Amino acid sequence: MDTNRPALPAEIARRRTFAIISHPDAGKTTLTEKFLLYGGAIQMAGQVRAKGEARRTRSDFMQMEKDRGISVSASAMSFDFKTYRFNLVDTPGHSDFSEDTYRTLTAVDAAVMVIDGAKGVESQTQKLFEVCRLRDLPILTFCNKMDREARDTFEIIDEIQENLAIDVTPASWPIGMGRDFLGCYDILNDRLELMDRADRNKVAESISLEGLDDPRMAEHIPPALLEKLREEVEMARELMPALDPQSVLEGHMTPIWFGSAVNSFGVQELMNGIGTYGPEPQVQKASPREIAPEEKKVAGFVFKVQANMDPKHRDRVAFVRLASGHFERGMKLTHVRTKKPMAISNPVLFLAADRELAEEAWAGDIIGIPNHGQLRIGDTLTEGEMLKVSGIPSFAPELLQSVRAGDPMKAKHLEKALMQFAEEGAAKVFKPMIGSGYIVGVVGALQFEVLGSRIELEYGLPVRFDASQFTSARWVHGPRDAVEKFTQANKQHISYDHDGDVVYLTRLQWDIDRIERDYPDVTLSATKEMMV
């Protein structure tokens, strides 16, 4: 970090913008709920799999999420905790939605990695972690579900160090596990944190101690567990590096907290950790120059578009991460791609699915801008300067199917629905050059199901997906005449995406090799930057 930058204005310096990443089912949505509970945003935490009329979680609002108990779309929430303002971006952990998650990670300054105490580092966690790695995001780790049978603490820490190649330092140490899980010893502050099992929404007691040898520990912990705790913490202190805040900010070290989100245990310590060790809003990569958060002029970029958040209105909300300045409602910002001014008259702040008008926001905040399709993923909004935020990826879909409306008279409606989803980034939609109909490409099979159910719910259109002869899609780049010549020669493989860019649909790897051999001026790429 270069230290000669001026100190950030207090309002910006208190912002902590982070995402939670984890494998499906590690307890991410539950943790989000507890964050909101402690941040005072909700009075009683909901449960993902609610029994009867028990409250459902606030951050899952699509019908399908409620039915299945998984989070499908990333949602943003802002709330205050102590002196900090947390902007939490919840990401879908399900691997079929990873593209949404990758994009979300471009809009945050840090990540909280949630690991299941019994399962350790799982494949999806590893993938997401690698993305954080590419961007050198600081990472704080929460090992969840310690109230169930978990693995040995040293084993979990070793696995993180080995699989993810990052130094791990314990911020707390669990006392017992499963049925015997009593709580944690807070290594950073020498406190004993005991879990209250009776009332899951209550914060249990915490006892300040004079180190591990404090005689009062024996009043709370059975002798066998106490001896084991003292031994383990001593070993941990010898074997593992001490917490180095600078190393955490550079993404080389992760502190780990242990707890049980469903019992609200360990969550507050983690939140204190995010406040203390998490980064303040960071410089944003862009061309022709970087954007620093302390700049007076406002700049921000769209990292997600969510359609039909309110089923009663066909609205779309663009999620915008503010990169600099102090935004006020009613400001006119330049939409860099179209060079047109946009008056932002009704921006929203999200408190889970509840929104309220945002009168103001600062660098680091995430606001929603309702619009009718003007804003797309990757768009930059500034106070006049032509800056483009770079590095928001769009991936080639790995599964392609053709799609038809159940009722042929409604083809027009289907086109509208598909365009909407394409702009939201939920799927790629390709219009073949020859023939009618559309081809939909997604990264994971579950997305077809989600799309089908959303088109039916939001547009009242039953649709059919059929197998397509194509297996992958590549964007075509190169000089204009080379691309034209190529297009004319390969009409049956060519289609256009929703931005009108040329896409080559292939059946076999052989097709791609042939193109590379026969058309040296044309390049086929599996990603395209979300802009232009």
Protein backbone atom coordinates (compact mmCIF):
# COMPACT_ATOMS: atom_id res chain seq x y z
CA MET A 1 0.00 0.00 0.00
CA ASP A 2 1.53 3.36 -0.81
CA THR A 3 1.45 5.50 2.29
CA ASN A 4 1.74 8.95 0.75
CA ARG A 5 -1.95 9.12 -0.09
CA PRO A 6 -3.91 11.54 2.07
CA ALA A 7 -5.99 10.11 4.92
CA LEU A 8 -9.52 9.31 3.79
CA PRO A 9 -12.40 11.55 4.90
CA ALA A 10 -13.90 10.05 8.09
CA GLU A 11 -17.16 9.01 6.39
CA ILE A 12 -15.25 7.03 3.76
CA ALA A 13 -12.69 5.60 6.20
CA ARG A 14 -15.43 3.98 8.29
CA ARG A 15 -16.79 2.03 5.32
CA ARG A 16 -16.02 -1.68 5.08
CA THR A 17 -17.25 -3.24 1.84
CA PHE A 18 -16.91 -7.00 1.69
CA ALA A 19 -18.42 -10.16 0.27
CA ILE A 20 -18.94 -13.50 1.94
CA ILE A 21 -17.62 -16.46 -0.04
CA SER A 22 -18.11 -20.12 0.70
CA HIS A 23 -19.13 -23.53 -0.57
CA PRO A 24 -22.93 -24.06 -0.71
CA ASP A 25 -24.32 -24.91 2.71
CA ALA A 26 -21.37 -23.71 4.78
CA GLY A 27 -23.76 -21.29 6.47
CA LYS A 28 -23.21 -18.09 4.56
CA THR A 29 -26.78 -16.83 4.49
CA THR A 30 -27.17 -17.62 8.20
CA LEU A 31 -24.04 -15.62 8.94
CA THR A 32 -25.40 -12.72 6.87
CA GLU A 33 -28.58 -12.79 8.95
CA LYS A 34 -26.59 -12.61 12.18
CA PHE A 35 -24.55 -9.69 10.83
CA LEU A 36 -27.80 -7.85 10.22
CA LEU A 37 -29.01 -8.80 13.68
CA TYR A 38 -25.95 -7.33 15.38
CA GLY A 39 -25.97 -4.37 13.05
CA GLY A 40 -29.48 -3.66 14.35
CA ALA A 41 -30.98 -4.04 10.89
CA ILE A 42 -33.36 -6.81 11.95
CA GLN A 43 -34.74 -7.71 15.34
CA MET A 44 -34.87 -11.45 14.99
CA ALA A 45 -32.75 -13.50 12.64
CA GLY A 46 -34.56 -15.73 10.16
CA GLN A 47 -33.66 -19.26 9.20
CA VAL A 48 -32.96 -20.46 5.68
CA ARG A 49 -35.08 -23.56 6.03
CA ALA A 50 -37.93 -22.09 7.99
CA LYS A 51 -40.37 -24.34 9.80
CA GLY A 52 -43.96 -23.28 9.20
CA GLU A 53 -44.26 -19.58 9.78
CA ALA A 54 -40.84 -19.10 11.40
CA ARG A 55 -39.24 -16.08 9.81
CA ARG A 56 -37.50 -16.68 6.55
CA THR A 57 -34.17 -15.06 5.95
CA ARG A 58 -34.29 -11.48 4.77
CA SER A 59 -31.63 -11.70 2.12
CA ASP A 60 -33.30 -14.36 -0.05
CA PHE A 61 -36.25 -12.76 -1.81
CA MET A 62 -36.86 -14.65 -5.05
CA GLN A 63 -39.58 -17.28 -4.87
CA MET A 64 -37.19 -19.98 -6.00
CA GLU A 65 -34.69 -19.14 -3.26
CA LYS A 66 -37.39 -19.48 -0.63
CA ASP A 67 -38.52 -22.84 -2.03
CA ARG A 68 -35.07 -24.33 -2.29
CA GLY A 69 -33.27 -22.76 0.64
CA ILE A 70 -30.36 -21.57 -1.52
CA SER A 71 -29.35 -18.07 -2.50
CA VAL A 72 -29.43 -17.55 -6.24
CA SER A 73 -28.77 -13.86 -6.73
CA ALA A 74 -26.22 -11.71 -4.98
CA SER A 75 -27.87 -9.15 -2.76
CA ALA A 76 -26.33 -6.12 -1.09
CA MET A 77 -26.98 -4.88 2.41
CA SER A 78 -25.78 -1.85 4.32
CA PHE A 79 -25.86 -1.48 8.09
CA ASP A 80 -23.97 0.19 10.91
CA PHE A 81 -21.95 -1.71 13.49
CA LYS A 82 -20.27 0.29 16.26
CA THR A 83 -18.45 3.13 14.47
CA TYR A 84 -18.32 1.29 11.13
CA ARG A 85 -20.60 1.23 8.13
CA PHE A 86 -20.66 -2.29 6.69
CA ASN A 87 -21.63 -2.87 3.07
CA LEU A 88 -22.11 -6.58 2.77
CA VAL A 89 -22.55 -8.22 -0.61
CA ASP A 90 -23.99 -11.69 -0.30
CA THR A 91 -22.84 -13.96 -3.12
CA PRO A 92 -24.50 -17.14 -4.30
CA GLY A 93 -22.27 -20.02 -3.22
CA HIS A 94 -23.80 -22.49 -5.66
CA SER A 95 -21.26 -23.25 -8.36
CA ASP A 96 -23.80 -22.76 -11.13
CA PHE A 97 -23.93 -19.08 -10.29
CA SER A 98 -20.24 -18.51 -9.99
CA GLU A 99 -20.13 -15.88 -12.72
CA ASP A 100 -22.33 -13.57 -10.68
CA THR A 101 -20.00 -14.16 -7.76
CA TYR A 102 -16.85 -13.40 -9.75
CA ARG A 103 -18.33 -10.08 -10.77
CA THR A 104 -19.40 -9.30 -7.25
CA LEU A 105 -15.82 -9.77 -6.11
CA THR A 106 -14.77 -6.89 -8.37
CA ALA A 107 -16.95 -4.57 -6.29
CA VAL A 108 -15.65 -5.32 -2.79
CA ASP A 109 -12.48 -4.54 -0.86
CA ALA A 110 -12.29 -7.75 1.16
CA ALA A 111 -13.84 -11.19 1.48
CA VAL A 112 -15.02 -13.21 4.44
CA MET A 113 -14.47 -16.88 3.74
CA VAL A 114 -16.85 -19.24 5.54
CA ILE A 115 -15.70 -22.80 6.05
CA ASP A 116 -17.71 -25.71 7.44
CA GLY A 117 -15.86 -27.10 10.48
CA ALA A 118 -16.60 -30.68 9.42
CA LYS A 119 -15.78 -30.36 5.74
CA GLY A 120 -12.87 -27.92 5.62
CA VAL A 121 -11.92 -26.36 2.29
CA GLU A 122 -14.30 -27.49 -0.45
CA SER A 123 -13.94 -27.16 -4.21
CA GLN A 124 -16.13 -24.08 -4.64
CA THR A 125 -14.35 -22.28 -1.81
CA GLN A 126 -11.09 -22.96 -3.58
CA LYS A 127 -12.34 -21.52 -6.89
CA LEU A 128 -13.66 -18.37 -5.28
CA PHE A 129 -10.53 -18.02 -3.23
CA GLU A 130 -8.45 -18.08 -6.40
CA VAL A 131 -10.46 -15.16 -7.76
CA CYS A 132 -9.80 -13.22 -4.55
CA ARG A 133 -6.17 -14.12 -4.99
CA LEU A 134 -6.05 -12.64 -8.50
CA ARG A 135 -7.24 -9.37 -7.05
CA ASP A 136 -5.12 -9.61 -3.85
CA LEU A 137 -8.25 -9.21 -1.78
CA PRO A 138 -7.73 -9.34 1.98
CA ILE A 139 -9.46 -12.41 3.41
CA LEU A 140 -10.86 -13.06 6.88
CA THR A 141 -11.91 -16.60 7.68
CA PHE A 142 -14.81 -17.87 9.79
CA CYS A 143 -14.91 -21.57 10.61
CA ASN A 144 -18.60 -22.30 11.13
CA LYS A 145 -20.67 -25.15 12.61
CA MET A 146 -18.37 -25.82 15.58
CA ASP A 147 -21.49 -26.88 17.49
CA ARG A 148 -21.57 -30.00 15.30
CA GLU A 149 -18.92 -32.66 15.08
CA ALA A 150 -16.00 -30.83 13.49
CA ARG A 151 -12.48 -31.77 12.54
CA ASP A 152 -9.41 -31.13 14.61
CA THR A 153 -8.61 -27.42 14.74
CA PHE A 154 -4.99 -27.85 13.67
CA GLU A 155 -6.13 -30.01 10.75
CA ILE A 156 -8.52 -27.32 9.52
CA ILE A 157 -5.82 -24.64 9.72
CA ASP A 158 -3.29 -26.87 7.93
CA GLU A 159 -5.74 -27.57 5.16
CA ILE A 160 -6.37 -23.86 4.57
CA GLN A 161 -2.64 -23.14 4.54
CA GLU A 162 -1.91 -25.96 2.12
CA ASN A 163 -4.85 -25.72 -0.26
CA LEU A 164 -5.00 -21.97 -0.43
CA ALA A 165 -1.32 -21.13 0.09
CA ILE A 166 -1.99 -18.37 2.61
CA ASP A 167 -0.67 -17.88 6.15
CA VAL A 168 -3.33 -18.56 8.78
CA THR A 169 -3.28 -17.05 12.24
CA PRO A 170 -5.91 -18.00 14.84
CA ALA A 171 -7.88 -15.04 16.20
CA SER A 172 -9.84 -17.34 18.50
CA TRP A 173 -9.60 -20.98 19.57
CA PRO A 174 -12.56 -23.34 20.02
CA ILE A 175 -13.21 -25.04 23.35
CA GLY A 176 -14.58 -28.50 22.69
CA MET A 177 -16.74 -29.27 19.66
CA GLY A 178 -20.07 -30.79 18.73
CA ARG A 179 -22.08 -31.40 21.89
CA ASP A 180 -19.20 -30.31 24.09
CA PHE A 181 -18.65 -27.03 22.27
CA LEU A 182 -18.60 -24.41 25.04
CA GLY A 183 -17.31 -21.41 23.18
CA CYS A 184 -13.99 -19.89 22.27
CA TYR A 185 -10.98 -18.32 23.80
CA ASP A 186 -10.38 -14.94 22.13
CA ILE A 187 -6.62 -15.00 21.48
CA LEU A 188 -6.42 -11.39 20.32
CA ASN A 189 -8.02 -9.91 23.43
CA ASP A 190 -7.52 -12.63 26.08
CA ARG A 191 -11.21 -13.12 26.74
CA LEU A 192 -13.33 -16.15 27.29
CA GLU A 193 -16.43 -16.16 25.06
CA LEU A 194 -19.06 -18.63 26.22
CA MET A 195 -21.94 -19.80 24.10
CA ASP A 196 -25.53 -19.50 25.25
CA ARG A 197 -27.41 -22.49 23.92
CA ALA A 198 -30.83 -21.64 25.29
CA ASP A 199 -31.58 -18.51 23.33
CA ARG A 200 -30.13 -18.56 19.87
CA ASN A 201 -30.78 -14.92 19.20
CA LYS A 202 -29.04 -13.74 22.34
CA VAL A 203 -25.40 -12.84 22.74
CA ALA A 204 -23.89 -15.08 25.41
CA GLU A 205 -21.62 -13.87 28.18
CA SER A 206 -18.02 -12.93 27.64
CA ILE A 207 -15.48 -12.84 30.45
CA SER A 208 -12.35 -10.74 30.44
CA LEU A 209 -9.29 -12.67 31.64
CA GLU A 210 -5.67 -12.15 32.52
CA GLY A 211 -4.38 -14.65 29.98
CA LEU A 212 -4.75 -18.44 29.82
CA ASP A 213 -3.54 -19.06 33.37
CA ASP A 214 -6.29 -17.00 34.96
CA PRO A 215 -7.73 -19.17 37.78
CA ARG A 216 -11.28 -18.03 36.92
CA MET A 217 -11.18 -20.17 33.77
CA ALA A 218 -11.70 -23.26 35.91
CA GLU A 219 -15.09 -21.91 37.00
CA HIS A 220 -16.39 -22.12 33.45
CA ILE A 221 -14.53 -24.96 31.75
CA PRO A 222 -14.31 -28.64 32.80
CA PRO A 223 -10.71 -29.62 33.74
CA ALA A 224 -10.08 -31.93 30.75
CA LEU A 225 -11.16 -29.32 28.19
CA LEU A 226 -9.27 -26.59 30.01
CA GLU A 227 -6.02 -28.53 29.91
CA LYS A 228 -6.50 -29.29 26.23
CA LEU A 229 -7.26 -25.61 25.49
CA ARG A 230 -4.12 -24.38 27.26
CA GLU A 231 -1.97 -26.93 25.49
CA GLU A 232 -3.41 -26.19 22.04
CA VAL A 233 -3.26 -22.41 22.31
CA GLU A 234 0.35 -22.64 23.47
CA MET A 235 1.20 -24.85 20.49
CA ALA A 236 -0.70 -22.56 18.13
CA ARG A 237 1.21 -19.54 19.39
CA GLU A 238 4.51 -21.30 18.79
CA LEU A 239 3.67 -22.86 15.43
CA MET A 240 1.71 -20.10 13.74
CA PRO A 241 2.64 -16.56 12.82
CA ALA A 242 1.25 -13.76 14.98
CA LEU A 243 -1.38 -11.52 13.41
CA ASP A 244 0.24 -8.93 11.17
CA PRO A 245 -2.40 -6.37 10.08
CA GLN A 246 -0.32 -5.23 7.08
CA SER A 247 0.08 -8.79 5.84
CA VAL A 248 -3.71 -9.26 6.13
CA LEU A 249 -4.34 -6.12 4.05
CA GLU A 250 -1.96 -7.37 1.37
CA GLY A 251 -3.84 -10.66 1.15
CA HIS A 252 -0.96 -12.85 2.40
CA MET A 253 -2.41 -13.76 5.77
CA THR A 254 -5.88 -14.62 6.99
CA PRO A 255 -7.01 -14.50 10.62
CA ILE A 256 -9.45 -17.29 11.50
CA TRP A 257 -12.34 -17.12 13.98
CA PHE A 258 -14.28 -20.17 15.13
CA GLY A 259 -17.95 -20.22 15.95
CA SER A 260 -21.47 -21.26 15.15
CA ALA A 261 -23.49 -18.77 13.13
CA VAL A 262 -26.80 -20.46 13.83
CA ASN A 263 -26.15 -20.00 17.58
CA SER A 264 -24.95 -16.41 16.98
CA PHE A 265 -21.65 -17.49 18.39
CA GLY A 266 -18.34 -15.97 17.30
CA VAL A 267 -20.13 -13.62 14.93
CA GLN A 268 -19.51 -10.48 16.93
CA GLU A 269 -15.81 -11.22 17.24
CA LEU A 270 -15.67 -11.69 13.48
CA MET A 271 -17.45 -8.35 12.95
CA ASN A 272 -15.01 -6.59 15.27
CA GLY A 273 -12.25 -8.22 13.24
CA ILE A 274 -13.68 -6.91 9.95
CA GLY A 275 -13.80 -3.43 11.44
CA THR A 276 -10.29 -3.57 12.87
CA TYR A 277 -8.39 -5.54 10.23
CA GLY A 278 -10.54 -5.12 7.13
CA PRO A 279 -9.49 -2.51 4.54
CA GLU A 280 -11.08 0.88 4.07
CA PRO A 281 -12.31 1.65 0.51
CA GLN A 282 -9.51 0.99 -1.98
CA VAL A 283 -8.27 2.53 -5.23
CA GLN A 284 -10.24 1.25 -8.22
CA LYS A 285 -8.52 0.09 -11.43
CA ALA A 286 -9.76 1.97 -14.48
CA SER A 287 -8.53 3.45 -17.74
CA PRO A 288 -7.05 5.92 -18.55
CA ARG A 289 -6.26 6.29 -14.83
CA GLU A 290 -7.10 4.75 -11.46
CA ILE A 291 -9.85 6.20 -9.28
CA ALA A 292 -8.96 7.02 -5.66
CA PRO A 293 -11.75 6.96 -3.05
CA GLU A 294 -10.84 10.37 -1.59
CA GLU A 295 -11.39 12.20 -4.90
CA LYS A 296 -14.08 14.87 -4.61
CA LYS A 297 -15.87 13.89 -7.81
CA VAL A 298 -18.17 10.91 -7.83
CA ALA A 299 -17.40 7.82 -9.90
CA GLY A 300 -18.94 4.37 -9.69
CA PHE A 301 -19.50 1.26 -11.76
CA VAL A 302 -22.26 -1.30 -12.31
CA PHE A 303 -21.27 -4.81 -11.24
CA LYS A 304 -24.70 -6.42 -11.25
CA VAL A 305 -28.11 -5.85 -12.74
CA GLN A 306 -31.12 -7.41 -11.07
CA ALA A 307 -34.37 -7.47 -12.99
CA ASN A 308 -37.86 -7.63 -11.51
CA MET A 309 -36.84 -7.19 -7.88
CA ASP A 310 -40.35 -5.99 -7.39
CA PRO A 311 -42.63 -8.32 -9.38
CA LYS A 312 -45.39 -5.67 -9.45
CA HIS A 313 -43.20 -3.38 -11.54
CA ARG A 314 -40.98 -4.46 -14.41
CA ASP A 315 -38.08 -2.70 -12.86
CA ARG A 316 -34.38 -3.28 -13.07
CA VAL A 317 -31.95 -2.24 -10.47
CA ALA A 318 -28.32 -1.68 -11.34
CA PHE A 319 -26.06 -2.29 -8.36
CA VAL A 320 -23.41 0.42 -8.38
CA ARG A 321 -20.25 0.41 -6.32
CA LEU A 322 -19.15 3.98 -5.64
CA ALA A 323 -15.42 4.28 -6.25
CA SER A 324 -14.96 7.90 -5.22
CA GLY A 325 -16.59 11.01 -3.86
CA HIS A 326 -19.73 11.89 -1.97
CA PHE A 327 -22.91 11.10 -3.88
CA GLU A 328 -26.14 12.99 -3.25
CA ARG A 329 -29.60 12.11 -4.49
CA GLY A 330 -30.60 13.99 -7.63
CA MET A 331 -27.04 14.33 -8.94
CA LYS A 332 -26.46 14.21 -12.68
CA LEU A 333 -23.83 11.67 -13.62
CA THR A 334 -22.41 10.96 -17.06
CA HIS A 335 -23.06 7.47 -18.38
CA VAL A 336 -19.66 6.91 -19.99
CA ARG A 337 -20.67 4.28 -22.55
CA THR A 338 -23.39 6.45 -24.14
CA LYS A 339 -21.82 9.79 -23.09
CA LYS A 340 -25.26 10.90 -21.90
CA PRO A 341 -26.07 12.56 -18.58
CA MET A 342 -28.32 10.61 -16.22
CA ALA A 343 -30.15 12.22 -13.31
CA ILE A 344 -30.06 9.79 -10.42
CA SER A 345 -33.30 10.78 -8.75
CA ASN A 346 -34.34 7.66 -6.85
CA PRO A 347 -31.25 5.69 -5.82
CA VAL A 348 -31.88 3.02 -3.20
CA LEU A 349 -29.95 1.59 -0.29
CA PHE A 350 -30.60 -2.03 0.50
CA LEU A 351 -31.42 -3.41 3.85
CA ALA A 352 -31.84 -6.95 2.53
CA ALA A 353 -35.05 -7.01 0.46
CA ASP A 354 -36.23 -3.77 2.02
CA ARG A 355 -35.05 -0.73 0.20
CA GLU A 356 -35.05 2.87 1.21
CA LEU A 357 -34.21 5.99 -0.75
CA ALA A 358 -30.56 6.87 -0.46
CA GLU A 359 -30.22 10.58 0.25
CA GLU A 360 -26.46 10.30 0.13
CA ALA A 361 -23.70 7.72 -0.21
CA TRP A 362 -19.93 7.71 -0.04
CA ALA A 363 -17.08 5.93 -1.80
CA GLY A 364 -17.27 2.26 -0.79
CA ASP A 365 -21.06 2.19 -0.63
CA ILE A 366 -23.28 0.16 -2.89
CA ILE A 367 -26.43 1.81 -4.17
CA GLY A 368 -29.14 0.56 -6.45
CA ILE A 369 -30.19 2.66 -9.42
CA PRO A 370 -33.58 1.70 -10.85
CA ASN A 371 -33.58 2.07 -14.64
CA HIS A 372 -35.23 0.73 -17.77
CA GLY A 373 -32.30 -1.05 -19.29
CA GLN A 374 -29.92 1.87 -19.83
CA LEU A 375 -27.40 0.52 -17.34
CA ARG A 376 -25.49 -2.68 -18.03
CA ILE A 377 -22.85 -4.64 -16.21
CA GLY A 378 -19.49 -2.92 -16.54
CA ASP A 379 -20.90 0.57 -17.14
CA THR A 380 -19.12 3.45 -15.43
CA LEU A 381 -20.88 6.58 -14.11
CA THR A 382 -18.80 9.70 -13.42
CA GLU A 383 -19.11 13.45 -12.95
CA GLY A 384 -18.11 14.07 -16.53
CA GLU A 385 -14.68 12.47 -16.87
CA MET A 386 -14.47 9.64 -19.42
CA LEU A 387 -13.20 6.89 -17.13
CA LYS A 388 -13.84 3.21 -17.64
CA VAL A 389 -13.56 0.76 -14.81
CA SER A 390 -11.73 -2.29 -16.07
CA GLY A 391 -11.60 -5.94 -15.17
CA ILE A 392 -15.22 -7.06 -14.96
CA PRO A 393 -15.30 -10.44 -16.65
CA SER A 394 -17.96 -12.12 -18.73
CA PHE A 395 -17.37 -15.81 -19.27
CA ALA A 396 -18.18 -18.02 -22.23
CA PRO A 397 -21.11 -20.26 -21.35
CA GLU A 398 -20.37 -23.97 -21.09
CA LEU A 399 -23.91 -25.18 -21.74
CA LEU A 400 -26.03 -24.13 -24.72
CA GLN A 401 -29.70 -24.90 -25.35
CA SER A 402 -32.23 -23.53 -27.77
CA VAL A 403 -35.34 -22.00 -26.26
CA ARG A 404 -38.92 -21.66 -27.53
CA ALA A 405 -42.09 -20.20 -26.08
CA GLY A 406 -44.78 -22.79 -25.36
CA ASP A 407 -47.16 -20.53 -27.28
CA PRO A 408 -45.73 -19.50 -30.70
CA MET A 409 -47.85 -16.32 -30.67
CA LYS A 410 -45.79 -15.08 -27.75
CA ALA A 411 -42.37 -15.16 -29.41
CA LYS A 412 -42.07 -11.36 -29.04
CA HIS A 413 -42.60 -11.57 -25.28
CA LEU A 414 -39.98 -14.28 -25.05
CA GLU A 415 -37.49 -12.07 -26.87
CA LYS A 416 -38.10 -9.30 -24.35
CA ALA A 417 -37.69 -11.63 -21.39
CA LEU A 418 -34.47 -13.10 -22.77
CA MET A 419 -32.96 -9.67 -23.43
CA GLN A 420 -33.80 -8.70 -19.90
CA PHE A 421 -31.98 -11.73 -18.49
CA ALA A 422 -29.03 -11.21 -20.83
CA GLU A 423 -28.58 -7.66 -19.60
CA GLU A 424 -28.91 -8.79 -16.03
CA GLY A 425 -26.03 -11.17 -16.69
CA ALA A 426 -28.12 -14.21 -15.73
CA ALA A 427 -27.50 -15.89 -19.08
CA LYS A 428 -26.01 -15.29 -22.49
CA VAL A 429 -28.55 -15.02 -25.29
CA PHE A 430 -27.46 -15.63 -28.87
CA LYS A 431 -29.51 -14.87 -31.97
CA PRO A 432 -28.32 -17.16 -34.76
CA MET A 433 -27.63 -15.53 -38.12
CA ILE A 434 -29.64 -18.21 -39.90
CA GLY A 435 -33.00 -19.56 -38.75
CA SER A 436 -35.30 -18.37 -36.02
CA GLY A 437 -35.29 -18.75 -32.28
CA TYR A 438 -32.66 -18.09 -29.68
CA ILE A 439 -29.86 -20.03 -28.09
CA VAL A 440 -29.31 -19.56 -24.39
CA GLY A 441 -25.92 -20.19 -22.85
CA VAL A 442 -25.24 -20.62 -19.15
CA VAL A 443 -22.34 -21.57 -16.93
CA GLY A 444 -24.19 -24.20 -14.88
CA ALA A 445 -27.18 -26.46 -15.57
CA LEU A 446 -29.22 -25.20 -12.63
CA GLN A 447 -29.43 -21.83 -14.36
CA PHE A 448 -31.77 -23.24 -17.06
CA GLU A 449 -34.17 -24.22 -14.33
CA VAL A 450 -33.95 -20.82 -12.66
CA LEU A 451 -34.44 -19.03 -15.99
CA GLY A 452 -37.41 -21.21 -16.91
CA SER A 453 -39.07 -20.61 -13.57
CA ARG A 454 -38.39 -16.86 -13.63
CA ILE A 455 -39.67 -16.39 -17.21
CA GLU A 456 -42.84 -18.20 -16.20
CA LEU A 457 -43.29 -16.30 -12.92
CA GLU A 458 -42.31 -12.83 -14.10
CA TYR A 459 -43.67 -12.93 -17.67
CA GLY A 460 -46.33 -15.63 -17.45
CA LEU A 461 -44.60 -17.50 -20.30
CA PRO A 462 -44.04 -21.25 -20.13
CA VAL A 463 -40.89 -22.06 -22.16
CA ARG A 464 -39.14 -25.15 -23.46
CA PHE A 465 -35.40 -25.66 -23.54
CA ASP A 466 -34.13 -28.14 -26.14
CA ALA A 467 -30.70 -29.57 -26.68
CA SER A 468 -28.68 -27.53 -29.13
CA GLN A 469 -26.15 -28.88 -31.61
CA PHE A 470 -23.57 -26.46 -30.26
CA THR A 471 -21.38 -27.05 -27.25
CA SER A 472 -19.53 -23.80 -26.73
CA ALA A 473 -19.41 -20.15 -27.72
CA ARG A 474 -16.48 -17.86 -28.51
CA TRP A 475 -16.46 -14.12 -29.07
CA VAL A 476 -14.87 -13.11 -32.37
CA HIS A 477 -12.35 -10.27 -32.37
CA GLY A 478 -10.21 -8.82 -35.12
CA PRO A 479 -10.10 -6.18 -37.87
CA ARG A 480 -13.53 -5.43 -39.28
CA ASP A 481 -12.99 -6.81 -42.80
CA ALA A 482 -11.41 -10.00 -41.45
CA VAL A 483 -14.39 -10.54 -39.15
CA GLU A 484 -16.85 -9.89 -42.02
CA LYS A 485 -15.12 -12.32 -44.32
CA PHE A 486 -15.08 -14.90 -41.55
CA THR A 487 -18.78 -14.34 -40.77
CA GLN A 488 -19.85 -14.75 -44.39
CA ALA A 489 -17.93 -18.01 -44.71
CA ASN A 490 -19.29 -19.55 -41.49
CA LYS A 491 -22.90 -18.36 -41.44
CA GLN A 492 -24.36 -21.49 -39.91
CA HIS A 493 -22.10 -21.08 -36.85
CA ILE A 494 -22.52 -17.35 -36.35
CA SER A 495 -24.82 -15.62 -33.95
CA TYR A 496 -25.02 -12.27 -32.18
CA ASP A 497 -25.11 -11.65 -28.46
CA HIS A 498 -27.41 -9.04 -26.86
CA ASP A 499 -24.80 -6.31 -27.45
CA GLY A 500 -24.72 -7.19 -31.14
CA ASP A 501 -21.21 -8.67 -30.92
CA VAL A 502 -20.31 -11.54 -33.22
CA VAL A 503 -20.19 -14.95 -31.56
CA TYR A 504 -18.94 -18.18 -33.11
CA LEU A 505 -20.84 -21.25 -31.87
CA THR A 506 -18.85 -24.45 -32.06
CA ARG A 507 -19.57 -28.14 -31.85
CA LEU A 508 -16.06 -29.42 -31.28
CA GLN A 509 -12.65 -28.22 -30.21
CA TRP A 510 -11.68 -29.11 -33.80
CA ASP A 511 -13.82 -26.18 -35.05
CA ILE A 512 -11.80 -23.77 -32.94
CA ASP A 513 -8.46 -25.19 -34.06
CA ARG A 514 -9.57 -24.98 -37.70
CA ILE A 515 -10.50 -21.30 -37.35
CA GLU A 516 -7.19 -20.50 -35.69
CA ARG A 517 -5.42 -22.19 -38.62
CA ASP A 518 -7.52 -20.78 -41.48
CA TYR A 519 -8.14 -17.26 -40.18
CA PRO A 520 -4.96 -15.99 -38.55
CA ASP A 521 -6.29 -12.39 -38.20
CA VAL A 522 -9.35 -13.46 -36.24
CA THR A 523 -9.13 -14.34 -32.56
CA LEU A 524 -11.72 -16.36 -30.68
CA SER A 525 -11.93 -15.63 -26.99
CA ALA A 526 -13.74 -17.28 -24.11
CA THR A 527 -14.29 -14.05 -22.19
CA LYS A 528 -15.24 -10.56 -23.12
CA GLU A 529 -14.80 -7.52 -20.91
CA MET A 530 -18.16 -6.16 -19.89
CA MET A 531 -18.10 -2.71 -21.41
CA VAL A 532 -18.26 -0.80 -24.69
